[in-house]
Amino acid sequence: MAKKKREALVVASKVKAYIKGQKMMTSSEALEAISDRVYDLLDAAAARAKANRRSTVKAQDL
């Protein structure tokens, strides 16, 4: 089954500028992979908050 296309959660120009500042280049697939990692991080943080009976995701959940 194909993976559902999700909206980007990162600002491409900011990510590219940061990587360029490291004297590196950004591949076309990198931005999607970074956004996927952010989704994973947020999903895990939300699950942790729910497990702790909270409806607010806090820094400690990350």
PDB file of N, CA and C in Angstrom:
ATOM      1  N   MET A   1       0.844  -1.172   0.000  1.00  0.00           N
ATOM      2  CA  MET A   1       0.000   0.000   0.000  1.00  0.00           C
ATOM      3  C   MET A   1       0.897   1.246   0.000  1.00  0.00           C
ATOM      4  N   ALA A   2       0.578   2.233  -0.798  1.00  0.00           N
ATOM      5  CA  ALA A   2       1.382   3.447  -0.912  1.00  0.00           C
ATOM      6  C   ALA A   2       1.222   4.308   0.334  1.00  0.00           C
ATOM      7  N   LYS A   3       2.311   4.958   0.691  1.00  0.00           N
ATOM      8  CA  LYS A   3       2.301   5.839   1.855  1.00  0.00           C
ATOM      9  C   LYS A   3       1.579   7.134   1.497  1.00  0.00           C
ATOM     10  N   LYS A   4       0.685   7.593   2.362  1.00  0.00           N
ATOM     11  CA  LYS A   4      -0.070   8.814   2.128  1.00  0.00           C
ATOM     12  C   LYS A   4       0.877  10.011   2.161  1.00  0.00           C
ATOM     13  N   LYS A   5       0.755  10.880   1.180  1.00  0.00           N
ATOM     14  CA  LYS A   5       1.577  12.084   1.107  1.00  0.00           C
ATOM     15  C   LYS A   5       1.123  13.051   2.191  1.00  0.00           C
ATOM     16  N   ARG A   6       2.071  13.481   3.016  1.00  0.00           N
ATOM     17  CA  ARG A   6       1.743  14.402   4.103  1.00  0.00           C
ATOM     18  C   ARG A   6       2.312  15.782   3.800  1.00  0.00           C
ATOM     19  N   GLU A   7       1.718  16.783   4.414  1.00  0.00           N
ATOM     20  CA  GLU A   7       2.166  18.153   4.263  1.00  0.00           C
ATOM     21  C   GLU A   7       3.545  18.316   4.921  1.00  0.00           C
ATOM     22  N   ALA A   8       4.406  19.111   4.306  1.00  0.00           N
ATOM     23  CA  ALA A   8       5.738  19.364   4.856  1.00  0.00           C
ATOM     24  C   ALA A   8       5.616  20.148   6.164  1.00  0.00           C
ATOM     25  N   LEU A   9       6.406  19.753   7.143  1.00  0.00           N
ATOM     26  CA  LEU A   9       6.398  20.436   8.435  1.00  0.00           C
ATOM     27  C   LEU A   9       7.644  21.291   8.649  1.00  0.00           C
ATOM     28  N   VAL A  10       8.489  21.338   7.658  1.00  0.00           N
ATOM     29  CA  VAL A  10       9.716  22.124   7.774  1.00  0.00           C
ATOM     30  C   VAL A  10       9.720  23.200   6.694  1.00  0.00           C
ATOM     31  N   VAL A  11      10.392  24.297   6.981  1.00  0.00           N
ATOM     32  CA  VAL A  11      10.531  25.375   6.009  1.00  0.00           C
ATOM     33  C   VAL A  11      11.754  25.057   5.156  1.00  0.00           C
ATOM     34  N   ALA A  12      11.508  24.709   3.900  1.00  0.00           N
ATOM     35  CA  ALA A  12      12.579  24.243   3.018  1.00  0.00           C
ATOM     36  C   ALA A  12      13.733  25.244   2.927  1.00  0.00           C
ATOM     37  N   SER A  13      13.423  26.518   2.777  1.00  0.00           N
ATOM     38  CA  SER A  13      14.487  27.512   2.627  1.00  0.00           C
ATOM     39  C   SER A  13      15.359  27.603   3.875  1.00  0.00           C
ATOM     40  N   LYS A  14      14.756  27.439   5.037  1.00  0.00           N
ATOM     41  CA  LYS A  14      15.514  27.492   6.296  1.00  0.00           C
ATOM     42  C   LYS A  14      16.413  26.269   6.438  1.00  0.00           C
ATOM     43  N   VAL A  15      15.885  25.106   6.085  1.00  0.00           N
ATOM     44  CA  VAL A  15      16.665  23.873   6.159  1.00  0.00           C
ATOM     45  C   VAL A  15      17.836  23.942   5.187  1.00  0.00           C
ATOM     46  N   LYS A  16      17.554  24.372   3.959  1.00  0.00           N
ATOM     47  CA  LYS A  16      18.606  24.469   2.951  1.00  0.00           C
ATOM     48  C   LYS A  16      19.680  25.478   3.366  1.00  0.00           C
ATOM     49  N   ALA A  17      19.270  26.599   3.931  1.00  0.00           N
ATOM     50  CA  ALA A  17      20.233  27.615   4.379  1.00  0.00           C
ATOM     51  C   ALA A  17      21.104  27.074   5.510  1.00  0.00           C
ATOM     52  N   TYR A  18      20.504  26.342   6.424  1.00  0.00           N
ATOM     53  CA  TYR A  18      21.267  25.770   7.530  1.00  0.00           C
ATOM     54  C   TYR A  18      22.304  24.774   7.011  1.00  0.00           C
ATOM     55  N   ILE A  19      21.871  23.893   6.121  1.00  0.00           N
ATOM     56  CA  ILE A  19      22.784  22.887   5.571  1.00  0.00           C
ATOM     57  C   ILE A  19      23.874  23.551   4.734  1.00  0.00           C
ATOM     58  N   LYS A  20      23.508  24.587   3.985  1.00  0.00           N
ATOM     59  CA  LYS A  20      24.503  25.325   3.200  1.00  0.00           C
ATOM     60  C   LYS A  20      25.538  25.974   4.126  1.00  0.00           C
ATOM     61  N   GLY A  21      25.083  26.433   5.292  1.00  0.00           N
ATOM     62  CA  GLY A  21      25.990  27.007   6.288  1.00  0.00           C
ATOM     63  C   GLY A  21      26.990  25.989   6.820  1.00  0.00           C
ATOM     64  N   GLN A  22      26.672  24.721   6.669  1.00  0.00           N
ATOM     65  CA  GLN A  22      27.569  23.633   7.070  1.00  0.00           C
ATOM     66  C   GLN A  22      28.484  23.231   5.911  1.00  0.00           C
ATOM     67  N   LYS A  23      28.449  24.034   4.839  1.00  0.00           N
ATOM     68  CA  LYS A  23      29.235  23.772   3.617  1.00  0.00           C
ATOM     69  C   LYS A  23      28.826  22.462   2.947  1.00  0.00           C
ATOM     70  N   MET A  24      27.497  22.176   2.969  1.00  0.00           N
ATOM     71  CA  MET A  24      26.942  20.966   2.379  1.00  0.00           C
ATOM     72  C   MET A  24      25.803  21.364   1.441  1.00  0.00           C
ATOM     73  N   MET A  25      25.339  20.391   0.661  1.00  0.00           N
ATOM     74  CA  MET A  25      24.205  20.606  -0.226  1.00  0.00           C
ATOM     75  C   MET A  25      23.043  19.724   0.226  1.00  0.00           C
ATOM     76  N   THR A  26      21.823  20.099  -0.163  1.00  0.00           N
ATOM     77  CA  THR A  26      20.613  19.376   0.241  1.00  0.00           C
ATOM     78  C   THR A  26      20.042  18.633  -0.962  1.00  0.00           C
ATOM     79  N   SER A  27      19.832  17.327  -0.820  1.00  0.00           N
ATOM     80  CA  SER A  27      19.218  16.556  -1.905  1.00  0.00           C
ATOM     81  C   SER A  27      17.718  16.797  -1.906  1.00  0.00           C
ATOM     82  N   SER A  28      17.085  16.472  -3.007  1.00  0.00           N
ATOM     83  CA  SER A  28      15.637  16.680  -3.116  1.00  0.00           C
ATOM     84  C   SER A  28      14.857  15.788  -2.151  1.00  0.00           C
ATOM     85  N   GLU A  29      15.411  14.615  -1.822  1.00  0.00           N
ATOM     86  CA  GLU A  29      14.721  13.699  -0.917  1.00  0.00           C
ATOM     87  C   GLU A  29      14.905  14.069   0.554  1.00  0.00           C
ATOM     88  N   ALA A  30      15.893  14.870   0.854  1.00  0.00           N
ATOM     89  CA  ALA A  30      16.214  15.188   2.252  1.00  0.00           C
ATOM     90  C   ALA A  30      15.069  15.913   2.963  1.00  0.00           C
ATOM     91  N   LEU A  31      14.461  16.870   2.301  1.00  0.00           N
ATOM     92  CA  LEU A  31      13.409  17.651   2.958  1.00  0.00           C
ATOM     93  C   LEU A  31      12.216  16.785   3.346  1.00  0.00           C
ATOM     94  N   GLU A  32      11.830  15.868   2.470  1.00  0.00           N
ATOM     95  CA  GLU A  32      10.722  14.967   2.785  1.00  0.00           C
ATOM     96  C   GLU A  32      11.097  14.047   3.950  1.00  0.00           C
ATOM     97  N   ALA A  33      12.330  13.557   3.953  1.00  0.00           N
ATOM     98  CA  ALA A  33      12.789  12.675   5.031  1.00  0.00           C
ATOM     99  C   ALA A  33      12.839  13.418   6.363  1.00  0.00           C
ATOM    100  N   ILE A  34      13.275  14.669   6.333  1.00  0.00           N
ATOM    101  CA  ILE A  34      13.316  15.473   7.562  1.00  0.00           C
ATOM    102  C   ILE A  34      11.904  15.692   8.084  1.00  0.00           C
ATOM    103  N   SER A  35      10.988  16.022   7.202  1.00  0.00           N
ATOM    104  CA  SER A  35       9.599  16.230   7.608  1.00  0.00           C
ATOM    105  C   SER A  35       9.005  14.943   8.177  1.00  0.00           C
ATOM    106  N   ASP A  36       9.328  13.793   7.577  1.00  0.00           N
ATOM    107  CA  ASP A  36       8.848  12.508   8.100  1.00  0.00           C
ATOM    108  C   ASP A  36       9.355  12.276   9.518  1.00  0.00           C
ATOM    109  N   ARG A  37      10.605  12.627   9.771  1.00  0.00           N
ATOM    110  CA  ARG A  37      11.165  12.469  11.118  1.00  0.00           C
ATOM    111  C   ARG A  37      10.455  13.378  12.114  1.00  0.00           C
ATOM    112  N   VAL A  38      10.094  14.582  11.679  1.00  0.00           N
ATOM    113  CA  VAL A  38       9.362  15.510  12.550  1.00  0.00           C
ATOM    114  C   VAL A  38       7.987  14.926  12.870  1.00  0.00           C
ATOM    115  N   TYR A  39       7.300  14.358  11.871  1.00  0.00           N
ATOM    116  CA  TYR A  39       6.012  13.700  12.127  1.00  0.00           C
ATOM    117  C   TYR A  39       6.178  12.589  13.168  1.00  0.00           C
ATOM    118  N   ASP A  40       7.219  11.762  13.000  1.00  0.00           N
ATOM    119  CA  ASP A  40       7.466  10.670  13.945  1.00  0.00           C
ATOM    120  C   ASP A  40       7.698  11.202  15.354  1.00  0.00           C
ATOM    121  N   LEU A  41       8.495  12.258  15.453  1.00  0.00           N
ATOM    122  CA  LEU A  41       8.793  12.873  16.752  1.00  0.00           C
ATOM    123  C   LEU A  41       7.517  13.401  17.412  1.00  0.00           C
ATOM    124  N   LEU A  42       6.696  14.080  16.633  1.00  0.00           N
ATOM    125  CA  LEU A  42       5.458  14.642  17.177  1.00  0.00           C
ATOM    126  C   LEU A  42       4.439  13.567  17.546  1.00  0.00           C
ATOM    127  N   ASP A  43       4.366  12.509  16.740  1.00  0.00           N
ATOM    128  CA  ASP A  43       3.464  11.398  17.066  1.00  0.00           C
ATOM    129  C   ASP A  43       3.864  10.753  18.390  1.00  0.00           C
ATOM    130  N   ALA A  44       5.161  10.544  18.574  1.00  0.00           N
ATOM    131  CA  ALA A  44       5.657   9.943  19.818  1.00  0.00           C
ATOM    132  C   ALA A  44       5.416  10.874  21.003  1.00  0.00           C
ATOM    133  N   ALA A  45       5.616  12.165  20.804  1.00  0.00           N
ATOM    134  CA  ALA A  45       5.391  13.130  21.891  1.00  0.00           C
ATOM    135  C   ALA A  45       3.914  13.169  22.280  1.00  0.00           C
ATOM    136  N   ALA A  46       3.029  13.139  21.293  1.00  0.00           N
ATOM    137  CA  ALA A  46       1.589  13.147  21.584  1.00  0.00           C
ATOM    138  C   ALA A  46       1.185  11.872  22.322  1.00  0.00           C
ATOM    139  N   ALA A  47       1.733  10.753  21.916  1.00  0.00           N
ATOM    140  CA  ALA A  47       1.430   9.490  22.591  1.00  0.00           C
ATOM    141  C   ALA A  47       1.902   9.519  24.036  1.00  0.00           C
ATOM    142  N   ARG A  48       3.085  10.097  24.266  1.00  0.00           N
ATOM    143  CA  ARG A  48       3.615  10.186  25.640  1.00  0.00           C
ATOM    144  C   ARG A  48       2.723  11.081  26.497  1.00  0.00           C
ATOM    145  N   ALA A  49       2.294  12.210  25.931  1.00  0.00           N
ATOM    146  CA  ALA A  49       1.408  13.119  26.670  1.00  0.00           C
ATOM    147  C   ALA A  49       0.089  12.423  27.016  1.00  0.00           C
ATOM    148  N   LYS A  50      -0.476  11.696  26.052  1.00  0.00           N
ATOM    149  CA  LYS A  50      -1.719  10.964  26.311  1.00  0.00           C
ATOM    150  C   LYS A  50      -1.527   9.902  27.384  1.00  0.00           C
ATOM    151  N   ALA A  51      -0.388   9.215  27.341  1.00  0.00           N
ATOM    152  CA  ALA A  51      -0.098   8.180  28.338  1.00  0.00           C
ATOM    153  C   ALA A  51       0.008   8.773  29.740  1.00  0.00           C
ATOM    154  N   ASN A  52       0.398  10.033  29.807  1.00  0.00           N
ATOM    155  CA  ASN A  52       0.502  10.734  31.082  1.00  0.00           C
ATOM    156  C   ASN A  52      -0.762  11.533  31.394  1.00  0.00           C
ATOM    157  N   ARG A  53      -1.848  11.198  30.683  1.00  0.00           N
ATOM    158  CA  ARG A  53      -3.170  11.810  30.891  1.00  0.00           C
ATOM    159  C   ARG A  53      -3.152  13.332  30.743  1.00  0.00           C
ATOM    160  N   ARG A  54      -2.398  13.801  29.745  1.00  0.00           N
ATOM    161  CA  ARG A  54      -2.366  15.230  29.442  1.00  0.00           C
ATOM    162  C   ARG A  54      -2.832  15.436  28.019  1.00  0.00           C
ATOM    163  N   SER A  55      -3.399  16.608  27.760  1.00  0.00           N
ATOM    164  CA  SER A  55      -3.782  16.962  26.393  1.00  0.00           C
ATOM    165  C   SER A  55      -2.840  18.006  25.816  1.00  0.00           C
ATOM    166  N   THR A  56      -1.780  18.299  26.549  1.00  0.00           N
ATOM    167  CA  THR A  56      -0.787  19.268  26.112  1.00  0.00           C
ATOM    168  C   THR A  56       0.555  18.572  25.920  1.00  0.00           C
ATOM    169  N   VAL A  57       1.134  18.740  24.737  1.00  0.00           N
ATOM    170  CA  VAL A  57       2.465  18.207  24.479  1.00  0.00           C
ATOM    171  C   VAL A  57       3.467  19.221  25.023  1.00  0.00           C
ATOM    172  N   LYS A  58       4.353  18.748  25.879  1.00  0.00           N
ATOM    173  CA  LYS A  58       5.359  19.601  26.495  1.00  0.00           C
ATOM    174  C   LYS A  58       6.747  19.233  25.987  1.00  0.00           C
ATOM    175  N   ALA A  59       7.702  20.098  26.254  1.00  0.00           N
ATOM    176  CA  ALA A  59       9.087  19.860  25.832  1.00  0.00           C
ATOM    177  C   ALA A  59       9.587  18.527  26.344  1.00  0.00           C
ATOM    178  N   GLN A  60       9.180  18.150  27.530  1.00  0.00           N
ATOM    179  CA  GLN A  60       9.638  16.885  28.119  1.00  0.00           C
ATOM    180  C   GLN A  60       9.141  15.655  27.336  1.00  0.00           C
ATOM    181  N   ASP A  61       8.103  15.830  26.546  1.00  0.00           N
ATOM    182  CA  ASP A  61       7.577  14.732  25.741  1.00  0.00           C
ATOM    183  C   ASP A  61       8.434  14.472  24.499  1.00  0.00           C
ATOM    184  N   LEU A  62       9.187  15.475  24.129  1.00  0.00           N
ATOM    185  CA  LEU A  62      10.046  15.330  22.961  1.00  0.00           C
ATOM    186  C   LEU A  62      11.298  14.583  23.331  1.00  0.00           C
TER     187      LEU A  62
END
